[in-house]
Amino acid sequence: MWIILDVIRWTGVLFFAVIAARLAGAMVDFWTGRSEDEPEQDGWRWWLTWAILLSVGASLVDLQFGGFYSFNDPAGVNWQFDGHGWPLVHQHSLLQSGELHRTADVAIYFAALAVNLLSLAILLAAAKFVVGRWLLGVAGLRRTWRTFVAVAAGWLAALAGVLWIERWFAAPVAVPGTAILFYTPLVHLPWYSRGPVVFGLACALFVVGWWVVRGAKAFVRLRDEGVL
């Protein structure tokens, strides 16, 4: 029975991961103004990108499904609760919220759900953006290895930042007036679930730094040209 339920669960996870990866790809294409390379011309890049995106997407979708959490935080407090969603964890399902007959609870539920889905899309889009830059460098395009080295160095710096920051959120934080927790359970997850999510977070932090640097360079250039 449990095997059947696990098969159903992971089939659903993979299905939603594929949808999320497709939407993330469309976001990046719209954002960068590029269309994807034709698979028959560059098949290995296409397959590798999809393998990474599905790995990240499956871990993120699995976090949205949630489950039973049991752990001790750094302060020694024992936490045990049922919840779903990430990074905002719902302690009540939509049905339970509706049974409370409070419109505010249902509105809060959907607001948290919107934040969670937006977070998932942003992390997947960032992962596709970074992986695309890596593979362009390896393939000998866009300044060849300089692209790969620059992106790899920036991503490693972002990864170090994520691993440093996540220690601050090892314990859930209750959102005042709601049954929702802000929780990043990465330090408590097994490596096969934690790794892809940390990868996506590092990509998101890298993208932020990437555009900050580009914006700073553009500002300096415009100032040197006398525009500003």
Protein backbone atom coordinates (compact mmCIF):
# COMPACT_ATOMS: atom_id res chain seq x y z
CA MET A 1 0.00 0.00 0.00
CA TRP A 2 2.75 2.44 1.00
CA ILE A 3 4.68 1.57 -2.15
CA ILE A 4 1.67 2.46 -4.28
CA LEU A 5 1.22 5.76 -2.42
CA ASP A 6 4.92 6.58 -2.90
CA VAL A 7 4.66 5.84 -6.63
CA ILE A 8 1.61 8.11 -6.91
CA ARG A 9 3.35 10.84 -4.90
CA TRP A 10 6.56 10.81 -6.93
CA THR A 11 4.65 10.59 -10.21
CA GLY A 12 2.85 13.77 -9.17
CA VAL A 13 6.13 15.38 -8.08
CA LEU A 14 7.74 14.61 -11.45
CA PHE A 15 4.69 15.83 -13.37
CA PHE A 16 4.61 19.18 -11.59
CA ALA A 17 8.42 19.45 -11.82
CA VAL A 18 8.21 19.14 -15.61
CA ILE A 19 5.54 21.85 -15.76
CA ALA A 20 7.57 24.12 -13.48
CA ALA A 21 10.74 23.57 -15.52
CA ARG A 22 8.90 24.45 -18.74
CA LEU A 23 7.53 27.65 -17.21
CA ALA A 24 10.96 28.56 -15.85
CA GLY A 25 12.46 28.06 -19.30
CA ALA A 26 9.85 30.35 -20.82
CA MET A 27 10.59 32.96 -18.14
CA VAL A 28 14.31 32.93 -18.91
CA ASP A 29 13.75 33.09 -22.67
CA PHE A 30 11.43 36.07 -22.22
CA TRP A 31 13.79 37.71 -19.72
CA THR A 32 16.95 37.33 -21.81
CA GLY A 33 15.31 37.71 -25.22
CA ARG A 34 16.81 34.43 -26.41
CA SER A 35 15.22 31.28 -27.75
CA GLU A 36 16.52 27.86 -26.75
CA ASP A 37 19.05 26.15 -29.00
CA GLU A 38 17.60 23.47 -31.24
CA PRO A 39 17.94 20.09 -29.47
CA GLU A 40 19.20 18.30 -32.63
CA GLN A 41 22.02 20.81 -32.93
CA ASP A 42 23.11 20.66 -29.29
CA GLY A 43 21.47 17.61 -27.76
CA TRP A 44 23.85 17.07 -24.87
CA ARG A 45 23.32 20.60 -23.54
CA TRP A 46 19.57 20.23 -23.80
CA TRP A 47 19.52 16.92 -21.91
CA LEU A 48 21.92 18.09 -19.21
CA THR A 49 19.93 21.27 -18.63
CA TRP A 50 16.72 19.29 -18.28
CA ALA A 51 18.33 16.78 -15.91
CA ILE A 52 19.44 19.60 -13.61
CA LEU A 53 16.13 21.47 -13.82
CA LEU A 54 14.11 18.33 -13.07
CA SER A 55 16.34 17.53 -10.10
CA VAL A 56 15.88 21.03 -8.66
CA GLY A 57 12.20 21.14 -9.60
CA ALA A 58 11.39 17.74 -8.06
CA SER A 59 13.01 18.72 -4.75
CA LEU A 60 11.13 22.05 -4.69
CA VAL A 61 7.79 20.45 -5.57
CA ASP A 62 8.35 17.77 -2.92
CA LEU A 63 8.86 20.56 -0.36
CA GLN A 64 5.53 22.04 -1.47
CA PHE A 65 3.80 18.72 -0.75
CA GLY A 66 5.45 18.73 2.68
CA GLY A 67 4.91 16.10 5.37
CA PHE A 68 5.69 15.51 9.03
CA TYR A 69 8.66 17.51 10.37
CA SER A 70 10.51 16.39 13.49
CA PHE A 71 13.84 17.94 14.51
CA ASN A 72 15.74 19.90 17.14
CA ASP A 73 16.73 23.45 16.23
CA PRO A 74 20.11 24.99 17.17
CA ALA A 75 18.63 26.27 20.45
CA GLY A 76 17.67 22.72 21.41
CA VAL A 77 13.92 23.21 20.92
CA ASN A 78 12.12 20.12 19.63
CA TRP A 79 9.77 20.75 16.70
CA GLN A 80 7.12 18.31 15.54
CA PHE A 81 4.40 19.41 13.14
CA ASP A 82 2.56 18.53 9.96
CA GLY A 83 2.94 21.10 7.25
CA HIS A 84 3.22 21.68 3.55
CA GLY A 85 4.57 24.43 1.36
CA TRP A 86 7.95 26.15 1.22
CA PRO A 87 9.33 28.60 2.32
CA LEU A 88 5.99 29.48 3.97
CA VAL A 89 4.73 26.31 5.68
CA HIS A 90 0.97 25.93 6.08
CA GLN A 91 0.05 24.17 9.32
CA HIS A 92 -3.55 23.79 8.12
CA SER A 93 -4.72 22.53 4.76
CA LEU A 94 -7.05 24.59 2.59
CA LEU A 95 -9.96 22.37 3.66
CA GLN A 96 -9.12 22.87 7.34
CA SER A 97 -8.81 26.62 6.82
CA GLY A 98 -12.22 26.68 5.18
CA GLU A 99 -13.76 24.65 8.01
CA LEU A 100 -12.64 27.36 10.43
CA HIS A 101 -15.17 29.62 8.63
CA ARG A 102 -12.76 32.52 8.66
CA THR A 103 -12.21 34.29 5.36
CA ALA A 104 -8.92 35.70 6.62
CA ASP A 105 -7.46 32.19 7.06
CA VAL A 106 -8.32 31.23 3.48
CA ALA A 107 -6.89 34.51 2.15
CA ILE A 108 -3.68 33.99 4.13
CA TYR A 109 -3.46 30.44 2.79
CA PHE A 110 -3.65 31.58 -0.83
CA ALA A 111 -1.23 34.46 -0.19
CA ALA A 112 1.33 32.01 1.21
CA LEU A 113 0.70 29.63 -1.69
CA ALA A 114 1.35 32.45 -4.17
CA VAL A 115 4.64 33.30 -2.42
CA ASN A 116 5.69 29.64 -2.48
CA LEU A 117 4.91 29.17 -6.17
CA LEU A 118 6.68 32.40 -7.06
CA SER A 119 9.73 31.27 -5.07
CA LEU A 120 9.72 27.94 -6.92
CA ALA A 121 9.54 29.65 -10.32
CA ILE A 122 12.30 32.13 -9.45
CA LEU A 123 14.69 29.41 -8.26
CA LEU A 124 14.10 27.27 -11.34
CA ALA A 125 14.50 30.24 -13.67
CA ALA A 126 17.73 31.21 -11.91
CA ALA A 127 19.02 27.64 -12.20
CA LYS A 128 18.30 27.57 -15.94
CA PHE A 129 19.99 30.95 -16.38
CA VAL A 130 23.17 29.86 -14.58
CA VAL A 131 23.36 26.42 -16.20
CA GLY A 132 22.86 28.05 -19.60
CA ARG A 133 25.80 30.37 -18.97
CA TRP A 134 27.98 27.46 -17.87
CA LEU A 135 27.16 25.39 -20.92
CA LEU A 136 27.69 28.30 -23.29
CA GLY A 137 31.21 28.63 -21.88
CA VAL A 138 31.93 24.90 -22.17
CA ALA A 139 30.57 24.84 -25.73
CA GLY A 140 33.00 27.58 -26.75
CA LEU A 141 30.43 30.32 -27.13
CA ARG A 142 30.30 33.83 -25.68
CA ARG A 143 33.94 34.38 -24.68
CA THR A 144 34.52 30.61 -24.35
CA TRP A 145 36.06 29.58 -21.04
CA ARG A 146 36.02 33.09 -19.60
CA THR A 147 32.26 32.79 -19.33
CA PHE A 148 32.46 29.43 -17.59
CA VAL A 149 35.16 30.52 -15.13
CA ALA A 150 33.44 33.81 -14.29
CA VAL A 151 30.05 32.19 -13.73
CA ALA A 152 31.55 29.27 -11.78
CA ALA A 153 33.48 31.62 -9.49
CA GLY A 154 30.43 33.80 -8.90
CA TRP A 155 28.23 30.77 -8.25
CA LEU A 156 30.70 29.32 -5.72
CA ALA A 157 30.70 32.65 -3.89
CA ALA A 158 26.88 32.61 -3.91
CA LEU A 159 26.89 29.01 -2.61
CA ALA A 160 29.12 30.02 0.28
CA GLY A 161 26.69 32.86 1.02
CA VAL A 162 23.69 30.50 1.01
CA LEU A 163 25.39 28.02 3.36
CA TRP A 164 26.24 30.88 5.70
CA ILE A 165 22.79 32.47 5.62
CA GLU A 166 20.81 29.23 6.04
CA ARG A 167 22.13 28.80 9.59
CA TRP A 168 20.02 31.80 10.60
CA PHE A 169 16.83 30.03 9.52
CA ALA A 170 17.41 26.59 11.05
CA ALA A 171 14.41 27.17 13.34
CA PRO A 172 10.87 28.01 12.12
CA VAL A 173 9.60 31.55 12.60
CA ALA A 174 5.86 32.00 13.12
CA VAL A 175 4.16 34.62 10.95
CA PRO A 176 2.24 36.78 13.46
CA GLY A 177 -1.52 36.25 13.46
CA THR A 178 -1.43 33.17 11.21
CA ALA A 179 -0.91 29.41 11.34
CA ILE A 180 2.01 29.79 8.93
CA LEU A 181 5.69 29.30 9.61
CA PHE A 182 8.60 30.74 7.67
CA TYR A 183 10.79 27.69 7.51
CA THR A 184 13.79 26.64 5.46
CA PRO A 185 14.35 23.01 6.50
CA LEU A 186 17.47 22.55 4.40
CA VAL A 187 19.80 21.82 7.32
CA HIS A 188 17.44 19.03 8.42
CA LEU A 189 16.86 17.39 5.01
CA PRO A 190 18.72 14.40 3.50
CA TRP A 191 21.39 15.32 0.96
CA TYR A 192 19.35 14.23 -2.07
CA SER A 193 16.61 16.74 -1.18
CA ARG A 194 18.83 19.45 0.26
CA GLY A 195 21.42 19.56 -2.54
CA PRO A 196 19.15 20.58 -5.46
CA VAL A 197 17.40 23.25 -3.37
CA VAL A 198 20.70 24.72 -2.18
CA PHE A 199 21.84 24.69 -5.82
CA GLY A 200 18.76 26.68 -6.82
CA LEU A 201 19.21 29.15 -3.97
CA ALA A 202 22.85 29.70 -4.93
CA CYS A 203 21.76 30.31 -8.53
CA ALA A 204 19.19 32.87 -7.39
CA LEU A 205 21.76 34.69 -5.26
CA PHE A 206 24.22 34.59 -8.16
CA VAL A 207 21.66 36.11 -10.55
CA VAL A 208 21.05 38.96 -8.11
CA GLY A 209 24.79 39.62 -7.93
CA TRP A 210 25.12 39.25 -11.72
CA TRP A 211 22.57 41.98 -12.42
CA VAL A 212 23.91 44.23 -9.67
CA VAL A 213 27.37 44.05 -11.25
CA ARG A 214 25.94 44.65 -14.73
CA GLY A 215 23.95 47.61 -13.44
CA ALA A 216 27.03 49.07 -11.74
CA LYS A 217 29.07 48.70 -14.94
CA ALA A 218 26.33 50.35 -16.98
CA PHE A 219 26.17 53.23 -14.50
CA VAL A 220 29.95 53.77 -14.65
CA ARG A 221 29.91 53.63 -18.45
CA LEU A 222 27.10 56.15 -18.72
CA ARG A 223 28.84 58.43 -16.24
CA ASP A 224 32.12 58.25 -18.19
CA GLU A 225 30.22 59.07 -21.39
CA GLY A 226 28.70 62.11 -19.73
CA VAL A 227 25.13 60.82 -19.91
CA LEU A 228 24.80 60.96 -16.12
